[in-house]
């Protein structure tokens, strides 16, 4: 038997309550308690000896944000029957705004409030629960959240379906709901450490990434074993249709992963031959190379010249079959927002 959950697009975190104090740790083992003051109230309702695994997400009624268009990512209501104006999970782009702030003023806390969507219980009453089965941990987690009665702690809903086809149909709605896909967890699985998919008990069932064909316009040497190669690239799309007489290339993303070592060496050689100008470590090149870029999310942004920001861009393939003139345009990116 398997348990399905949405794969949330937020910040994975652990809530640790010990000796009357609450600590919040990020997935990268960074202590982030001070970054989320609205969660501090959980110290009052969570008993000592508790560790919860979950996702920090923006939770509010949707509105018009000056930085993020309401069309730049879907809101997700935990209650499918909730009215449109009811509080719901908001796009990650909003959370990114908050993460980038050095100080959290009252306006930010009001405009971008967060909650924790909890999906696992790692410690309970001071005992390590990671070796207990998933269904047992989940049952106790729901009991704990119910007794806590906090507005900033909610259970991540368990998805139900009569068969795999039913779950696959639900998964197809992921992008419109603003989630990355599904997590599938074996009901009797223990809580693994590291890459749990290697143990066959947790699986990410993600949706396919967005993709566009973009032109390489800048290159920079990499780090470590790539220090001698131009391996970090800036990509652009056209600012007008093919028939436009004076269209230009507008940068919108940087990427450095996705190529094989052999492809990287070939691109490095082309960059060196087509360099037009150097700006410190960055070289501008004659536009000759087209790549298919994949990315997980897209949003409007005033911080970027293109007006677009994408998440986790990477190279899916080198489009050696496609001329630069046939690369995608800003219109293509704008269409993906919808």
Foldseek 3Di string as FASTA:
>chain_A
DKWKFFAADAWKWKWAAAPLFIWIATPVRDTCCVLAVVCRCLSVQADHFWIFIWGKFFKAFDDDDPFFGPLQAAWAAPDPPDDNRHITGDARVLVVVSVPDPDQDPVNCVVGPIATATQFIQTDPNHGQLQFFSQVRRVVVQVSCVRSPDPRYHHRDIDDDPDPVRLVVVQVCQRNNRTFGMKMADRGHGRDPDPCVVVVGIDGPGDFFDKFKWWWFKWFQDDDVRNVFGQKTWTWFWADALVDDDIDTFTADIERDADDPVVRVVVRVQCVVFFDDDDVRMTTGDTFWMFMKTFHGKTAGPVGPLRIHTHPIYTNGTPPVDGNSPTHHSVVRVVVSD
